[in-house]
């Protein structure tokens, strides 16, 4: 696929808008050469998405934002339409809007704690996978989850049901995220460390094909 720079040029050339979901930008898990934000893109009409649910770990606050950039005429027309949409549907409450600066500032501590747990659990997952070469980690660049490619000895749905019923574990099948083929599992890296470790001890033997 094109690089970020390539997408920018392609969109500008063909008159397409770019929508960049950057809600997990505060939680990098690896360094990728050439990675960058689409904020401030000037060539193509561009929308960058963010939200309080990730930036401050506050999903219940229900506040998200969109940064629009690009050629002035396209941005002005887009904002006019977006204002109509915002007026048509339920708007963000005034108290939440007023509290945004304080919430974002206080959220720095939450972000640091989440980031520390993500990196710790990812390291534990890598260590556990060293004992099970049949299971592969798709190295994450950012976010709160990890994707595992597992032997396709049964359907993803049957596997996640077995994990739930036999091992009391919750994992998402890859088809929830539109993976084109089986078999993939998506696991949370947000789980408390001790629970995560205990879950790995039960999960990996099963998904590797070694039984319960």
N, C-alpha and C. Protein backbone atom coordinates (compact mmCIF):
# COMPACT_ATOMS: atom_id res chain seq x y z
N UNK A 1 0.83 -1.20 0.00
CA UNK A 1 0.00 0.00 0.00
C UNK A 1 0.86 1.24 0.00
N UNK A 2 0.32 2.37 -0.45
CA UNK A 2 1.10 3.61 -0.48
C UNK A 2 1.50 4.04 0.93
N UNK A 3 2.61 4.78 1.01
CA UNK A 3 3.01 5.38 2.27
C UNK A 3 2.08 6.55 2.57
N UNK A 4 2.23 7.14 3.78
CA UNK A 4 1.42 8.31 4.12
C UNK A 4 1.63 9.41 3.10
N UNK A 5 2.88 9.62 2.71
CA UNK A 5 3.17 10.63 1.69
C UNK A 5 2.51 10.28 0.37
N UNK A 6 2.54 8.98 0.05
CA UNK A 6 1.90 8.54 -1.19
C UNK A 6 0.41 8.75 -1.18
N UNK A 7 -0.23 8.48 -0.02
CA UNK A 7 -1.67 8.71 0.08
C UNK A 7 -2.00 10.18 -0.12
N UNK A 8 -1.19 11.06 0.46
CA UNK A 8 -1.43 12.49 0.33
C UNK A 8 -1.40 12.90 -1.14
N UNK A 9 -0.38 12.45 -1.85
CA UNK A 9 -0.27 12.81 -3.26
C UNK A 9 -1.38 12.21 -4.08
N UNK A 10 -1.74 10.95 -3.83
CA UNK A 10 -2.80 10.29 -4.58
C UNK A 10 -4.14 10.99 -4.36
N UNK A 11 -4.43 11.33 -3.11
CA UNK A 11 -5.70 12.00 -2.81
C UNK A 11 -5.77 13.36 -3.48
N UNK A 12 -4.67 14.12 -3.43
CA UNK A 12 -4.66 15.44 -4.06
C UNK A 12 -4.83 15.32 -5.57
N UNK A 13 -4.17 14.35 -6.15
CA UNK A 13 -4.22 14.16 -7.60
C UNK A 13 -5.62 13.78 -8.08
N UNK A 14 -6.33 12.97 -7.29
CA UNK A 14 -7.63 12.45 -7.73
C UNK A 14 -8.82 13.14 -7.07
N UNK A 15 -8.55 14.18 -6.30
CA UNK A 15 -9.65 14.91 -5.67
C UNK A 15 -10.38 14.13 -4.60
N UNK A 16 -9.68 13.26 -3.90
CA UNK A 16 -10.30 12.45 -2.85
C UNK A 16 -10.04 13.08 -1.49
N UNK A 17 -10.94 12.80 -0.55
CA UNK A 17 -10.73 13.22 0.83
C UNK A 17 -10.04 12.10 1.59
N UNK A 18 -9.21 12.47 2.56
CA UNK A 18 -8.51 11.51 3.41
C UNK A 18 -9.10 11.58 4.81
N UNK A 19 -9.49 10.44 5.36
CA UNK A 19 -9.96 10.36 6.74
C UNK A 19 -8.94 9.52 7.51
N UNK A 20 -8.26 10.13 8.48
CA UNK A 20 -7.21 9.46 9.24
C UNK A 20 -7.66 9.31 10.68
N UNK A 21 -7.93 8.07 11.07
CA UNK A 21 -8.35 7.78 12.45
C UNK A 21 -7.10 7.66 13.31
N UNK A 22 -6.84 8.66 14.14
CA UNK A 22 -5.62 8.71 14.93
C UNK A 22 -5.91 8.65 16.43
N UNK A 23 -6.99 7.95 16.78
CA UNK A 23 -7.38 7.89 18.19
C UNK A 23 -6.32 7.19 19.06
N UNK A 24 -5.51 6.32 18.45
CA UNK A 24 -4.49 5.62 19.22
C UNK A 24 -3.10 6.23 19.05
N UNK A 25 -3.03 7.43 18.52
CA UNK A 25 -1.72 8.05 18.29
C UNK A 25 -0.95 8.28 19.58
N UNK A 26 -1.66 8.39 20.71
CA UNK A 26 -0.99 8.60 22.00
C UNK A 26 -0.39 7.32 22.57
N UNK A 27 -0.60 6.18 21.89
CA UNK A 27 -0.16 4.90 22.45
C UNK A 27 0.67 4.11 21.44
N UNK A 28 1.83 4.63 21.05
CA UNK A 28 2.68 3.88 20.12
C UNK A 28 3.27 2.65 20.79
N UNK A 29 3.34 1.56 20.04
CA UNK A 29 3.91 0.32 20.57
C UNK A 29 5.19 -0.06 19.84
N UNK A 30 5.44 0.55 18.70
CA UNK A 30 6.68 0.31 17.97
C UNK A 30 6.96 1.54 17.13
N UNK A 31 8.18 1.65 16.68
CA UNK A 31 8.59 2.79 15.86
C UNK A 31 8.63 2.34 14.40
N UNK A 32 7.88 3.03 13.56
CA UNK A 32 7.88 2.71 12.14
C UNK A 32 8.44 3.89 11.36
N UNK A 33 9.43 3.61 10.54
CA UNK A 33 10.05 4.67 9.75
C UNK A 33 9.03 5.30 8.83
N UNK A 34 8.98 6.62 8.82
CA UNK A 34 8.08 7.33 7.94
C UNK A 34 6.69 7.56 8.51
N UNK A 35 6.42 7.05 9.71
CA UNK A 35 5.10 7.24 10.30
C UNK A 35 4.90 8.71 10.67
N UNK A 36 3.72 9.24 10.39
CA UNK A 36 3.45 10.64 10.69
C UNK A 36 1.95 10.85 10.77
N UNK A 37 1.56 11.96 11.37
CA UNK A 37 0.16 12.33 11.44
C UNK A 37 -0.25 13.05 10.17
N UNK A 38 -1.53 12.96 9.86
CA UNK A 38 -2.07 13.70 8.72
C UNK A 38 -2.51 15.11 9.11
N UNK A 39 -2.31 15.49 10.38
CA UNK A 39 -2.71 16.83 10.81
C UNK A 39 -2.00 17.89 9.99
N UNK A 40 -2.77 18.88 9.54
CA UNK A 40 -2.18 19.99 8.80
C UNK A 40 -1.92 19.72 7.34
N UNK A 41 -2.35 18.56 6.83
CA UNK A 41 -2.16 18.27 5.41
C UNK A 41 -2.81 19.37 4.57
N UNK A 42 -2.06 19.90 3.61
CA UNK A 42 -2.54 21.05 2.84
C UNK A 42 -2.97 20.71 1.42
N UNK A 43 -2.52 19.58 0.89
CA UNK A 43 -2.79 19.30 -0.52
C UNK A 43 -4.18 18.74 -0.77
N UNK A 44 -4.64 17.85 0.10
CA UNK A 44 -5.94 17.20 -0.09
C UNK A 44 -6.84 17.51 1.10
N UNK A 45 -8.14 17.48 0.87
CA UNK A 45 -9.09 17.64 1.97
C UNK A 45 -8.89 16.48 2.93
N UNK A 46 -8.59 16.80 4.19
CA UNK A 46 -8.17 15.79 5.15
C UNK A 46 -8.88 15.97 6.48
N UNK A 47 -9.32 14.85 7.05
CA UNK A 47 -9.97 14.86 8.36
C UNK A 47 -9.21 13.92 9.28
N UNK A 48 -8.74 14.44 10.40
CA UNK A 48 -8.03 13.65 11.40
C UNK A 48 -8.93 13.49 12.62
N UNK A 49 -9.13 12.26 13.05
CA UNK A 49 -10.08 11.96 14.13
C UNK A 49 -9.34 11.68 15.43
N UNK A 50 -9.91 12.16 16.53
CA UNK A 50 -9.40 11.88 17.86
C UNK A 50 -10.55 11.84 18.84
N UNK A 51 -10.27 11.49 20.09
CA UNK A 51 -11.36 11.44 21.05
C UNK A 51 -10.87 11.28 22.47
N UNK A 52 -11.72 11.70 23.40
CA UNK A 52 -11.40 11.65 24.82
C UNK A 52 -11.35 10.22 25.34
N UNK A 53 -12.08 9.32 24.71
CA UNK A 53 -12.13 7.94 25.19
C UNK A 53 -10.74 7.32 25.21
N UNK A 54 -9.90 7.68 24.24
CA UNK A 54 -8.54 7.16 24.19
C UNK A 54 -7.54 8.15 24.80
N UNK A 55 -7.63 9.42 24.45
CA UNK A 55 -6.63 10.39 24.88
C UNK A 55 -6.57 10.55 26.39
N UNK A 56 -7.71 10.38 27.06
CA UNK A 56 -7.72 10.50 28.52
C UNK A 56 -8.29 9.27 29.20
N UNK A 57 -8.53 8.20 28.43
CA UNK A 57 -9.09 6.99 29.01
C UNK A 57 -10.47 7.23 29.61
N UNK A 58 -11.29 8.04 28.92
CA UNK A 58 -12.60 8.42 29.45
C UNK A 58 -13.70 8.15 28.42
N UNK A 59 -14.02 6.88 28.14
CA UNK A 59 -15.05 6.60 27.15
C UNK A 59 -16.42 7.13 27.53
N UNK A 60 -16.69 7.28 28.83
CA UNK A 60 -18.02 7.73 29.25
C UNK A 60 -18.24 9.22 29.03
N UNK A 61 -17.18 9.98 28.75
CA UNK A 61 -17.32 11.43 28.57
C UNK A 61 -17.98 11.76 27.23
N UNK A 62 -17.85 10.91 26.25
CA UNK A 62 -18.50 11.08 24.95
C UNK A 62 -18.08 12.38 24.27
N UNK A 63 -16.80 12.54 24.08
CA UNK A 63 -16.31 13.71 23.36
C UNK A 63 -15.27 13.25 22.34
N UNK A 64 -15.49 13.61 21.09
CA UNK A 64 -14.54 13.32 20.03
C UNK A 64 -14.33 14.59 19.21
N UNK A 65 -13.30 14.59 18.40
CA UNK A 65 -13.04 15.78 17.58
C UNK A 65 -12.52 15.38 16.21
N UNK A 66 -12.57 16.35 15.32
CA UNK A 66 -12.13 16.17 13.95
C UNK A 66 -11.36 17.42 13.54
N UNK A 67 -10.15 17.22 13.04
CA UNK A 67 -9.34 18.33 12.55
C UNK A 67 -9.40 18.31 11.03
N UNK A 68 -9.89 19.39 10.43
CA UNK A 68 -10.03 19.50 8.98
C UNK A 68 -8.92 20.39 8.43
N UNK A 69 -8.32 19.95 7.35
CA UNK A 69 -7.30 20.76 6.69
C UNK A 69 -7.33 20.46 5.20
N UNK A 70 -6.56 21.25 4.46
CA UNK A 70 -6.52 21.08 3.01
C UNK A 70 -6.73 22.40 2.31
N UNK A 71 -7.02 22.37 1.02
CA UNK A 71 -7.29 23.61 0.28
C UNK A 71 -8.43 24.39 0.93
N UNK A 72 -8.27 25.69 1.06
CA UNK A 72 -9.22 26.52 1.81
C UNK A 72 -10.66 26.35 1.34
N UNK A 73 -10.89 26.34 0.03
CA UNK A 73 -12.26 26.25 -0.48
C UNK A 73 -12.91 24.93 -0.09
N UNK A 74 -12.15 23.84 -0.17
CA UNK A 74 -12.70 22.53 0.19
C UNK A 74 -12.97 22.44 1.69
N UNK A 75 -12.06 22.99 2.49
CA UNK A 75 -12.25 22.94 3.94
C UNK A 75 -13.46 23.76 4.35
N UNK A 76 -13.62 24.95 3.79
CA UNK A 76 -14.76 25.81 4.13
C UNK A 76 -16.08 25.13 3.80
N UNK A 77 -16.16 24.51 2.62
CA UNK A 77 -17.39 23.82 2.23
C UNK A 77 -17.65 22.63 3.13
N UNK A 78 -16.60 21.91 3.49
CA UNK A 78 -16.78 20.74 4.35
C UNK A 78 -17.24 21.14 5.74
N UNK A 79 -16.64 22.20 6.29
CA UNK A 79 -17.03 22.65 7.63
C UNK A 79 -18.47 23.13 7.65
N UNK A 80 -18.90 23.78 6.58
CA UNK A 80 -20.30 24.21 6.52
C UNK A 80 -21.24 23.02 6.59
N UNK A 81 -20.91 21.97 5.90
CA UNK A 81 -21.75 20.77 5.92
C UNK A 81 -21.65 20.05 7.28
N UNK A 82 -20.46 20.04 7.84
CA UNK A 82 -20.29 19.41 9.14
C UNK A 82 -21.07 20.14 10.22
N UNK A 83 -21.14 21.46 10.13
CA UNK A 83 -21.93 22.22 11.11
C UNK A 83 -23.41 21.84 11.02
N UNK A 84 -23.89 21.63 9.81
CA UNK A 84 -25.28 21.20 9.64
C UNK A 84 -25.50 19.83 10.27
N UNK A 85 -24.55 18.92 10.06
CA UNK A 85 -24.67 17.59 10.64
C UNK A 85 -24.66 17.67 12.16
N UNK A 86 -23.75 18.48 12.71
CA UNK A 86 -23.66 18.60 14.17
C UNK A 86 -24.93 19.21 14.76
N UNK A 87 -25.54 20.14 14.05
CA UNK A 87 -26.78 20.74 14.53
C UNK A 87 -27.96 19.78 14.42
N UNK A 88 -27.88 18.86 13.47
CA UNK A 88 -28.97 17.92 13.25
C UNK A 88 -29.00 16.82 14.30
N UNK A 89 -27.81 16.39 14.72
CA UNK A 89 -27.71 15.29 15.67
C UNK A 89 -27.33 15.82 17.04
N UNK A 90 -27.31 14.94 18.02
CA UNK A 90 -27.06 15.33 19.40
C UNK A 90 -25.66 15.93 19.54
N UNK A 91 -25.60 17.14 20.08
CA UNK A 91 -24.33 17.83 20.23
C UNK A 91 -23.63 17.44 21.53
N UNK A 92 -22.34 17.75 21.59
CA UNK A 92 -21.57 17.53 22.81
C UNK A 92 -22.07 18.50 23.87
N UNK A 93 -22.20 18.03 25.10
CA UNK A 93 -22.72 18.88 26.16
C UNK A 93 -21.74 20.02 26.48
N UNK A 94 -22.29 21.14 26.90
CA UNK A 94 -21.46 22.30 27.23
C UNK A 94 -20.50 22.02 28.39
N UNK A 95 -20.94 21.38 29.49
CA UNK A 95 -19.99 21.09 30.59
C UNK A 95 -18.77 20.30 30.13
N UNK A 96 -18.97 19.34 29.25
CA UNK A 96 -17.84 18.55 28.76
C UNK A 96 -16.90 19.42 27.94
N UNK A 97 -17.46 20.27 27.09
CA UNK A 97 -16.62 21.15 26.28
C UNK A 97 -15.80 22.09 27.16
N UNK A 98 -16.41 22.62 28.19
CA UNK A 98 -15.70 23.54 29.09
C UNK A 98 -14.59 22.81 29.84
N UNK A 99 -14.82 21.53 30.14
CA UNK A 99 -13.86 20.77 30.95
C UNK A 99 -12.71 20.18 30.13
N UNK A 100 -12.76 20.29 28.81
CA UNK A 100 -11.76 19.63 27.97
C UNK A 100 -10.32 19.95 28.35
N UNK A 101 -9.92 21.22 28.52
CA UNK A 101 -8.50 21.48 28.85
C UNK A 101 -8.06 20.77 30.13
N UNK A 102 -8.90 20.81 31.16
CA UNK A 102 -8.53 20.16 32.43
C UNK A 102 -8.50 18.65 32.27
N UNK A 103 -9.44 18.09 31.52
CA UNK A 103 -9.49 16.64 31.34
C UNK A 103 -8.27 16.14 30.56
N UNK A 104 -7.88 16.88 29.53
CA UNK A 104 -6.71 16.48 28.75
C UNK A 104 -5.44 16.57 29.58
N UNK A 105 -5.34 17.63 30.39
CA UNK A 105 -4.15 17.77 31.25
C UNK A 105 -4.08 16.66 32.28
N UNK A 106 -5.20 16.39 32.93
CA UNK A 106 -5.23 15.32 33.92
C UNK A 106 -5.03 13.96 33.26
N UNK A 107 -5.45 13.86 32.00
CA UNK A 107 -5.33 12.59 31.29
C UNK A 107 -3.90 12.16 31.04
N UNK A 108 -2.94 13.08 31.19
CA UNK A 108 -1.53 12.71 30.97
C UNK A 108 -1.11 11.57 31.88
N UNK A 109 -1.57 11.59 33.13
CA UNK A 109 -1.22 10.53 34.07
C UNK A 109 -1.87 9.21 33.65
N UNK A 110 -3.10 9.31 33.18
CA UNK A 110 -3.80 8.10 32.73
C UNK A 110 -3.11 7.52 31.51
N UNK A 111 -2.74 8.38 30.56
CA UNK A 111 -2.05 7.91 29.35
C UNK A 111 -0.75 7.20 29.70
N UNK A 112 0.00 7.78 30.63
CA UNK A 112 1.27 7.17 31.03
C UNK A 112 1.04 5.79 31.65
N UNK A 113 0.02 5.67 32.50
CA UNK A 113 -0.26 4.38 33.14
C UNK A 113 -0.72 3.35 32.11
N UNK A 114 -1.57 3.78 31.18
CA UNK A 114 -2.03 2.85 30.14
C UNK A 114 -0.85 2.41 29.28
N UNK A 115 -0.01 3.37 28.89
CA UNK A 115 1.14 3.03 28.04
C UNK A 115 2.07 2.04 28.72
N UNK A 116 2.31 2.23 30.02
CA UNK A 116 3.18 1.31 30.75
C UNK A 116 2.59 -0.09 30.76
N UNK A 117 1.29 -0.20 30.98
CA UNK A 117 0.66 -1.53 31.00
C UNK A 117 0.70 -2.17 29.62
N UNK A 118 0.44 -1.40 28.58
CA UNK A 118 0.46 -1.94 27.23
C UNK A 118 1.82 -2.54 26.90
N UNK A 119 2.89 -1.80 27.20
CA UNK A 119 4.23 -2.28 26.87
C UNK A 119 4.60 -3.49 27.73
N UNK A 120 4.20 -3.48 28.99
CA UNK A 120 4.51 -4.61 29.86
C UNK A 120 3.81 -5.87 29.37
N UNK A 121 2.51 -5.77 29.06
CA UNK A 121 1.76 -6.95 28.62
C UNK A 121 2.22 -7.42 27.24
N UNK A 122 2.59 -6.48 26.37
CA UNK A 122 3.10 -6.89 25.06
C UNK A 122 4.41 -7.66 25.21
N UNK A 123 5.26 -7.21 26.13
CA UNK A 123 6.51 -7.94 26.38
C UNK A 123 6.22 -9.34 26.92
N UNK A 124 5.24 -9.46 27.81
CA UNK A 124 4.87 -10.77 28.35
C UNK A 124 4.32 -11.66 27.25
N UNK A 125 3.54 -11.08 26.34
CA UNK A 125 2.99 -11.85 25.23
C UNK A 125 4.11 -12.36 24.33
N UNK A 126 5.06 -11.51 24.01
CA UNK A 126 6.19 -11.95 23.17
C UNK A 126 6.96 -13.09 23.84
N UNK A 127 7.18 -12.95 25.15
CA UNK A 127 7.90 -14.00 25.88
C UNK A 127 7.13 -15.31 25.86
N UNK A 128 5.83 -15.24 26.05
CA UNK A 128 5.01 -16.44 26.02
C UNK A 128 5.00 -17.09 24.65
N UNK A 129 4.95 -16.28 23.59
CA UNK A 129 4.91 -16.83 22.24
C UNK A 129 6.20 -17.52 21.85
N UNK A 130 7.29 -17.20 22.52
CA UNK A 130 8.56 -17.86 22.22
C UNK A 130 8.47 -19.36 22.45
N UNK A 131 7.53 -19.79 23.30
CA UNK A 131 7.36 -21.22 23.57
C UNK A 131 6.36 -21.88 22.62
N UNK A 132 5.71 -21.06 21.79
CA UNK A 132 4.67 -21.60 20.90
C UNK A 132 4.86 -21.04 19.49
N UNK A 133 5.80 -21.60 18.73
CA UNK A 133 6.10 -21.06 17.40
C UNK A 133 4.94 -21.17 16.42
N UNK A 134 3.93 -21.97 16.72
CA UNK A 134 2.78 -22.09 15.82
C UNK A 134 1.90 -20.86 15.87
N UNK A 135 2.07 -20.02 16.89
CA UNK A 135 1.26 -18.80 17.04
C UNK A 135 2.15 -17.60 16.73
N UNK A 136 1.66 -16.72 15.88
CA UNK A 136 2.45 -15.57 15.43
C UNK A 136 1.80 -14.27 15.86
N UNK A 137 2.59 -13.36 16.38
CA UNK A 137 2.13 -12.02 16.71
C UNK A 137 2.28 -11.12 15.49
N UNK A 138 1.21 -10.44 15.11
CA UNK A 138 1.31 -9.39 14.10
C UNK A 138 1.73 -8.12 14.84
N UNK A 139 2.98 -7.74 14.69
CA UNK A 139 3.54 -6.67 15.50
C UNK A 139 2.68 -5.40 15.43
N UNK A 140 2.17 -4.95 16.57
CA UNK A 140 1.31 -3.76 16.57
C UNK A 140 2.15 -2.48 16.52
N UNK A 141 1.63 -1.47 15.83
CA UNK A 141 2.30 -0.17 15.80
C UNK A 141 1.78 0.75 16.91
N UNK A 142 0.51 0.60 17.24
CA UNK A 142 -0.10 1.42 18.28
C UNK A 142 -1.41 0.77 18.70
N UNK A 143 -1.98 1.26 19.81
CA UNK A 143 -3.29 0.77 20.21
C UNK A 143 -3.29 0.00 21.50
N UNK A 144 -4.42 -0.64 21.77
CA UNK A 144 -4.64 -1.33 23.04
C UNK A 144 -4.79 -2.84 22.85
N UNK A 145 -4.58 -3.34 21.64
CA UNK A 145 -4.84 -4.75 21.35
C UNK A 145 -3.66 -5.38 20.63
N UNK A 146 -3.65 -6.70 20.62
CA UNK A 146 -2.66 -7.46 19.86
C UNK A 146 -3.38 -8.49 19.02
N UNK A 147 -2.86 -8.71 17.81
CA UNK A 147 -3.46 -9.67 16.88
C UNK A 147 -2.55 -10.89 16.79
N UNK A 148 -3.15 -12.06 16.96
CA UNK A 148 -2.42 -13.32 16.88
C UNK A 148 -2.91 -14.12 15.68
N UNK A 149 -1.97 -14.60 14.87
CA UNK A 149 -2.32 -15.55 13.82
C UNK A 149 -2.14 -16.94 14.40
N UNK A 150 -3.19 -17.74 14.38
CA UNK A 150 -3.18 -19.05 15.02
C UNK A 150 -3.46 -20.13 13.99
N UNK A 151 -3.07 -21.38 14.26
CA UNK A 151 -3.37 -22.47 13.32
C UNK A 151 -4.88 -22.57 13.06
N UNK A 152 -5.25 -22.67 11.81
CA UNK A 152 -6.67 -22.70 11.43
C UNK A 152 -7.18 -24.14 11.49
N UNK A 153 -7.13 -24.72 12.67
CA UNK A 153 -7.60 -26.09 12.86
C UNK A 153 -9.11 -26.16 13.07
N UNK A 154 -9.72 -25.02 13.35
CA UNK A 154 -11.17 -24.91 13.50
C UNK A 154 -11.55 -23.48 13.15
N UNK A 155 -12.82 -23.21 13.08
CA UNK A 155 -13.23 -21.85 12.75
C UNK A 155 -12.91 -20.90 13.91
N UNK A 156 -12.73 -19.62 13.58
CA UNK A 156 -12.48 -18.64 14.63
C UNK A 156 -13.63 -18.61 15.63
N UNK A 157 -14.83 -18.70 15.14
CA UNK A 157 -15.98 -18.64 16.03
C UNK A 157 -15.98 -19.82 17.01
N UNK A 158 -15.71 -21.00 16.49
CA UNK A 158 -15.65 -22.17 17.37
C UNK A 158 -14.52 -22.04 18.38
N UNK A 159 -13.42 -21.44 17.95
CA UNK A 159 -12.28 -21.30 18.85
C UNK A 159 -12.58 -20.32 19.99
N UNK A 160 -13.18 -19.17 19.66
CA UNK A 160 -13.44 -18.20 20.73
C UNK A 160 -14.52 -18.71 21.68
N UNK A 161 -15.46 -19.50 21.18
CA UNK A 161 -16.47 -20.10 22.06
C UNK A 161 -15.82 -21.12 22.98
N UNK A 162 -14.89 -21.90 22.43
CA UNK A 162 -14.18 -22.87 23.27
C UNK A 162 -13.37 -22.15 24.35
N UNK A 163 -12.69 -21.08 23.97
CA UNK A 163 -11.91 -20.32 24.95
C UNK A 163 -12.81 -19.80 26.07
N UNK A 164 -13.99 -19.34 25.69
CA UNK A 164 -14.91 -18.79 26.69
C UNK A 164 -15.46 -19.89 27.60
N UNK A 165 -15.88 -20.99 27.01
CA UNK A 165 -16.54 -22.03 27.79
C UNK A 165 -15.56 -22.91 28.58
N UNK A 166 -14.42 -23.23 27.97
CA UNK A 166 -13.50 -24.18 28.60
C UNK A 166 -12.41 -23.50 29.42
N UNK A 167 -12.01 -22.29 29.02
CA UNK A 167 -10.89 -21.64 29.70
C UNK A 167 -11.27 -20.31 30.33
N UNK A 168 -12.54 -19.91 30.20
CA UNK A 168 -13.01 -18.65 30.78
C UNK A 168 -12.17 -17.46 30.29
N UNK A 169 -11.93 -17.45 28.98
CA UNK A 169 -11.15 -16.40 28.34
C UNK A 169 -11.98 -15.72 27.27
N UNK A 170 -11.79 -14.41 27.14
CA UNK A 170 -12.49 -13.65 26.11
C UNK A 170 -11.47 -13.15 25.09
N UNK A 171 -11.69 -13.49 23.82
CA UNK A 171 -10.88 -12.99 22.71
C UNK A 171 -11.82 -12.74 21.54
N UNK A 172 -11.44 -11.80 20.68
CA UNK A 172 -12.28 -11.50 19.51
C UNK A 172 -11.77 -12.27 18.29
N UNK A 173 -12.68 -12.84 17.50
CA UNK A 173 -12.25 -13.49 16.26
C UNK A 173 -11.85 -12.43 15.23
N UNK A 174 -10.94 -12.81 14.35
CA UNK A 174 -10.45 -11.86 13.35
C UNK A 174 -11.54 -11.33 12.44
N UNK A 175 -12.59 -12.14 12.20
CA UNK A 175 -13.61 -11.66 11.27
C UNK A 175 -14.39 -10.48 11.82
N UNK A 176 -14.32 -10.24 13.14
CA UNK A 176 -14.91 -9.02 13.69
C UNK A 176 -14.24 -7.78 13.12
N UNK A 177 -12.99 -7.93 12.68
CA UNK A 177 -12.21 -6.81 12.18
C UNK A 177 -11.94 -6.94 10.68
N UNK A 178 -12.73 -7.76 10.02
CA UNK A 178 -12.67 -7.92 8.56
C UNK A 178 -11.35 -8.47 8.05
N UNK A 179 -10.71 -9.34 8.84
CA UNK A 179 -9.56 -10.05 8.28
C UNK A 179 -10.06 -10.93 7.13
N UNK A 180 -9.33 -10.96 6.03
CA UNK A 180 -9.85 -11.64 4.85
C UNK A 180 -9.82 -13.16 4.93
N UNK A 181 -9.06 -13.73 5.86
CA UNK A 181 -8.98 -15.18 5.97
C UNK A 181 -8.82 -15.55 7.44
N UNK A 182 -8.95 -16.82 7.75
CA UNK A 182 -8.76 -17.29 9.11
C UNK A 182 -7.39 -17.95 9.24
N UNK A 183 -6.81 -18.01 10.44
CA UNK A 183 -7.50 -17.75 11.70
C UNK A 183 -6.68 -16.72 12.49
N UNK A 184 -7.38 -15.73 13.01
CA UNK A 184 -6.78 -14.68 13.81
C UNK A 184 -7.58 -14.49 15.09
N UNK A 185 -6.89 -14.09 16.15
CA UNK A 185 -7.52 -13.70 17.40
C UNK A 185 -7.01 -12.32 17.79
N UNK A 186 -7.88 -11.51 18.38
CA UNK A 186 -7.51 -10.20 18.88
C UNK A 186 -7.68 -10.21 20.40
N UNK A 187 -6.59 -9.91 21.10
CA UNK A 187 -6.61 -9.93 22.57
C UNK A 187 -6.30 -8.53 23.10
N UNK A 188 -6.84 -8.23 24.26
CA UNK A 188 -6.64 -6.92 24.88
C UNK A 188 -5.33 -6.87 25.63
N UNK A 189 -4.61 -5.76 25.47
CA UNK A 189 -3.39 -5.51 26.24
C UNK A 189 -3.66 -4.64 27.46
N UNK A 190 -4.92 -4.28 27.66
CA UNK A 190 -5.29 -3.45 28.80
C UNK A 190 -5.52 -4.25 30.08
N UNK A 191 -5.59 -5.55 29.96
CA UNK A 191 -5.91 -6.41 31.10
C UNK A 191 -4.87 -6.24 32.21
N UNK A 192 -5.30 -6.20 33.48
CA UNK A 192 -4.33 -6.13 34.59
C UNK A 192 -3.27 -7.22 34.45
N UNK A 193 -2.04 -6.89 34.83
CA UNK A 193 -0.89 -7.74 34.52
C UNK A 193 -1.04 -9.18 35.01
N UNK A 194 -1.43 -9.36 36.26
CA UNK A 194 -1.55 -10.72 36.79
C UNK A 194 -2.62 -11.52 36.05
N UNK A 195 -3.73 -10.87 35.74
CA UNK A 195 -4.81 -11.54 34.99
C UNK A 195 -4.34 -11.87 33.58
N UNK A 196 -3.61 -10.94 32.98
CA UNK A 196 -3.09 -11.16 31.62
C UNK A 196 -2.16 -12.38 31.59
N UNK A 197 -1.25 -12.46 32.56
CA UNK A 197 -0.31 -13.58 32.60
C UNK A 197 -1.03 -14.91 32.78
N UNK A 198 -2.01 -14.93 33.69
CA UNK A 198 -2.76 -16.16 33.92
C UNK A 198 -3.55 -16.55 32.67
N UNK A 199 -4.10 -15.55 31.99
CA UNK A 199 -4.83 -15.83 30.77
C UNK A 199 -3.94 -16.39 29.67
N UNK A 200 -2.72 -15.84 29.54
CA UNK A 200 -1.79 -16.35 28.54
C UNK A 200 -1.48 -17.82 28.78
N UNK A 201 -1.29 -18.20 30.04
CA UNK A 201 -0.96 -19.58 30.37
C UNK A 201 -2.06 -20.54 29.92
N UNK A 202 -3.30 -20.07 29.91
CA UNK A 202 -4.41 -20.92 29.46
C UNK A 202 -4.65 -20.79 27.96
N UNK A 203 -4.44 -19.61 27.42
CA UNK A 203 -4.77 -19.34 26.02
C UNK A 203 -3.80 -20.00 25.05
N UNK A 204 -2.51 -19.82 25.26
CA UNK A 204 -1.54 -20.23 24.24
C UNK A 204 -1.53 -21.73 23.96
N UNK A 205 -1.60 -22.61 24.97
CA UNK A 205 -1.65 -24.04 24.64
C UNK A 205 -2.85 -24.41 23.78
N UNK A 206 -3.98 -23.73 24.02
CA UNK A 206 -5.19 -24.07 23.27
C UNK A 206 -5.08 -23.61 21.84
N UNK A 207 -4.72 -22.34 21.62
CA UNK A 207 -4.69 -21.81 20.25
C UNK A 207 -3.55 -22.40 19.43
N UNK A 208 -2.50 -22.88 20.11
CA UNK A 208 -1.39 -23.50 19.39
C UNK A 208 -1.71 -24.92 18.95
N UNK A 209 -2.85 -25.44 19.44
CA UNK A 209 -3.25 -26.78 19.06
C UNK A 209 -2.85 -27.85 20.05
N UNK A 210 -2.42 -27.41 21.26
CA UNK A 210 -1.97 -28.38 22.24
C UNK A 210 -3.05 -28.83 23.21
N UNK A 211 -4.27 -28.34 23.02
CA UNK A 211 -5.36 -28.75 23.91
C UNK A 211 -5.48 -27.82 25.10
N UNK A 212 -6.44 -28.13 25.97
CA UNK A 212 -6.71 -27.28 27.14
C UNK A 212 -5.65 -27.51 28.20
